[in-house]
Amino acid sequence: MTLLEVMVALVIFSTAALALMNSVSLNVRFTHGLADTLQASWVAENQLAEAQLAKADFPDAEQQGTEIMGGRSWNWRKQRVKTADSGWANAIRVYAEGDDSQPVIALQIAPPGESK
C-alpha cells in the first residue's frame, strides 16, 4: 500500500466519522427536546384532568402555578379563551422554569358539552 492510498483512506474515514458524530449529536438533542415536550404535556394534562374532576371551568383571568414533573419544575398558565368560531376553550401553556419566553407546549381544548 502506498502513502497516497493510506492518506485517501484516512480522508474517507475521517469524513465518515464526522458525519456519524454529527448525526449522533442531532439525535441526542432531539431526544432531549422530546423528553421536555412529553413532561410538559403531562403537566398540561394534569391541569385539564384536575379541572374536569372538580367540574370547574378554567378561569377567565389567567391563573398561574408550578408543578414538579420528572425532577424539574414547570410553570403553567391557564385560562378560558374565546375561539375563532365564537365558542370557548380551555387554554394552558407550560413553560420550563426560568424560561418564560416561549411555552414548551400549548394546548387549547373545548370543554365537554361546549357548543360550537
Protein backbone atom coordinates (compact mmCIF):
# COMPACT_ATOMS: atom_id res chain seq x y z
CA MET A 1 0.00 0.00 0.00
CA THR A 2 1.41 3.38 -0.92
CA LEU A 3 1.38 6.52 1.19
CA LEU A 4 -1.15 8.11 -1.16
CA GLU A 5 -3.60 5.22 -0.72
CA VAL A 6 -3.28 5.44 3.07
CA MET A 7 -3.95 9.20 3.00
CA VAL A 8 -7.03 8.77 0.79
CA ALA A 9 -8.33 6.07 3.14
CA LEU A 10 -7.81 8.38 6.14
CA VAL A 11 -9.71 11.21 4.41
CA ILE A 12 -12.63 8.89 3.65
CA PHE A 13 -12.63 7.51 7.21
CA SER A 14 -12.47 10.97 8.83
CA THR A 15 -15.32 12.26 6.64
CA ALA A 16 -17.48 9.29 7.58
CA ALA A 17 -16.60 9.68 11.28
CA LEU A 18 -17.53 13.39 11.26
CA ALA A 19 -20.86 12.64 9.58
CA LEU A 20 -21.61 9.94 12.16
CA MET A 21 -20.73 12.25 15.08
CA ASN A 22 -22.98 14.98 13.67
CA SER A 23 -25.85 12.52 13.32
CA VAL A 24 -25.44 11.25 16.88
CA SER A 25 -25.31 14.82 18.21
CA LEU A 26 -28.57 15.72 16.44
CA ASN A 27 -30.26 12.59 17.79
CA VAL A 28 -29.21 13.41 21.36
CA ARG A 29 -30.57 16.97 21.06
CA PHE A 30 -33.84 15.72 19.52
CA THR A 31 -34.30 13.12 22.28
CA HIS A 32 -33.74 15.74 24.99
CA GLY A 33 -36.32 18.06 23.37
CA LEU A 34 -38.78 15.19 23.06
CA ALA A 35 -38.45 14.38 26.77
CA ASP A 36 -39.13 18.04 27.65
CA THR A 37 -42.22 18.12 25.45
CA LEU A 38 -43.52 14.87 26.94
CA GLN A 39 -43.11 16.06 30.53
CA ALA A 40 -44.68 19.44 29.71
CA SER A 41 -47.65 17.67 28.11
CA TRP A 42 -48.13 15.63 31.31
CA VAL A 43 -48.21 18.88 33.31
CA ALA A 44 -50.84 20.31 30.94
CA GLU A 45 -52.90 17.12 31.02
CA ASN A 46 -52.79 17.14 34.85
CA GLN A 47 -54.31 20.63 34.88
CA LEU A 48 -57.02 19.59 32.44
CA ALA A 49 -57.79 16.46 34.49
CA GLU A 50 -57.97 18.44 37.76
CA ALA A 51 -60.45 20.87 36.22
CA GLN A 52 -62.55 18.03 34.83
CA LEU A 53 -62.58 16.13 38.14
CA ALA A 54 -63.51 19.28 40.05
CA LYS A 55 -66.18 20.01 37.42
CA ALA A 56 -64.80 23.55 37.26
CA ASP A 57 -64.20 25.75 34.26
CA PHE A 58 -60.85 27.36 33.67
CA PRO A 59 -60.80 30.95 34.96
CA ASP A 60 -61.46 33.87 32.60
CA ALA A 61 -58.42 35.66 34.05
CA GLU A 62 -55.07 33.95 33.64
CA GLN A 63 -54.12 31.70 36.54
CA GLN A 64 -50.52 30.59 37.13
CA GLY A 65 -48.87 27.81 39.05
CA THR A 66 -45.90 25.50 39.32
CA GLU A 67 -45.68 21.72 39.19
CA ILE A 68 -42.78 19.30 39.63
CA MET A 69 -42.56 16.66 36.90
CA GLY A 70 -39.59 14.46 36.11
CA GLY A 71 -37.45 16.13 38.75
CA ARG A 72 -37.93 19.54 37.11
CA SER A 73 -40.11 22.48 37.96
CA TRP A 74 -42.62 23.57 35.30
CA ASN A 75 -44.62 26.80 35.25
CA TRP A 76 -48.12 26.66 33.81
CA ARG A 77 -50.65 29.33 32.87
CA LYS A 78 -54.26 28.54 32.20
CA GLN A 79 -57.39 30.44 31.31
CA ARG A 80 -60.64 30.21 29.39
CA VAL A 81 -60.34 31.82 25.94
CA LYS A 82 -62.71 32.71 23.12
CA THR A 83 -62.18 30.67 19.96
CA ALA A 84 -62.40 31.77 16.33
CA ASP A 85 -65.88 30.22 15.99
CA SER A 86 -67.23 32.24 18.98
CA GLY A 87 -67.02 29.26 21.31
CA TRP A 88 -64.93 28.83 24.44
CA ALA A 89 -61.87 26.68 25.08
CA ASN A 90 -59.61 25.87 27.99
CA ALA A 91 -56.10 27.05 27.14
CA ILE A 92 -52.98 26.00 29.00
CA ARG A 93 -49.36 26.86 28.33
CA VAL A 94 -46.45 25.14 30.07
CA TYR A 95 -43.01 26.73 30.40
CA ALA A 96 -39.69 25.34 31.59
CA GLU A 97 -38.69 27.01 34.85
CA GLY A 98 -36.60 30.09 34.19
CA ASP A 99 -37.64 30.39 30.53
CA ASP A 100 -40.99 32.12 30.11
CA SER A 101 -40.14 33.39 26.63
CA GLN A 102 -41.84 30.53 24.77
CA PRO A 103 -44.02 27.68 26.04
CA VAL A 104 -42.72 24.15 25.71
CA ILE A 105 -46.30 23.12 24.94
CA ALA A 106 -49.59 24.96 24.48
CA LEU A 107 -52.96 23.18 24.45
CA GLN A 108 -56.39 24.58 23.69
CA ILE A 109 -59.29 22.20 24.26
CA ALA A 110 -63.03 22.78 24.15
CA PRO A 111 -64.62 21.70 27.44
CA PRO A 112 -67.03 18.73 27.35
CA GLY A 113 -70.54 19.78 26.34
CA GLU A 114 -69.39 23.13 24.96
CA SER A 115 -71.48 24.08 21.94
CA LYS A 116 -69.72 25.23 18.80
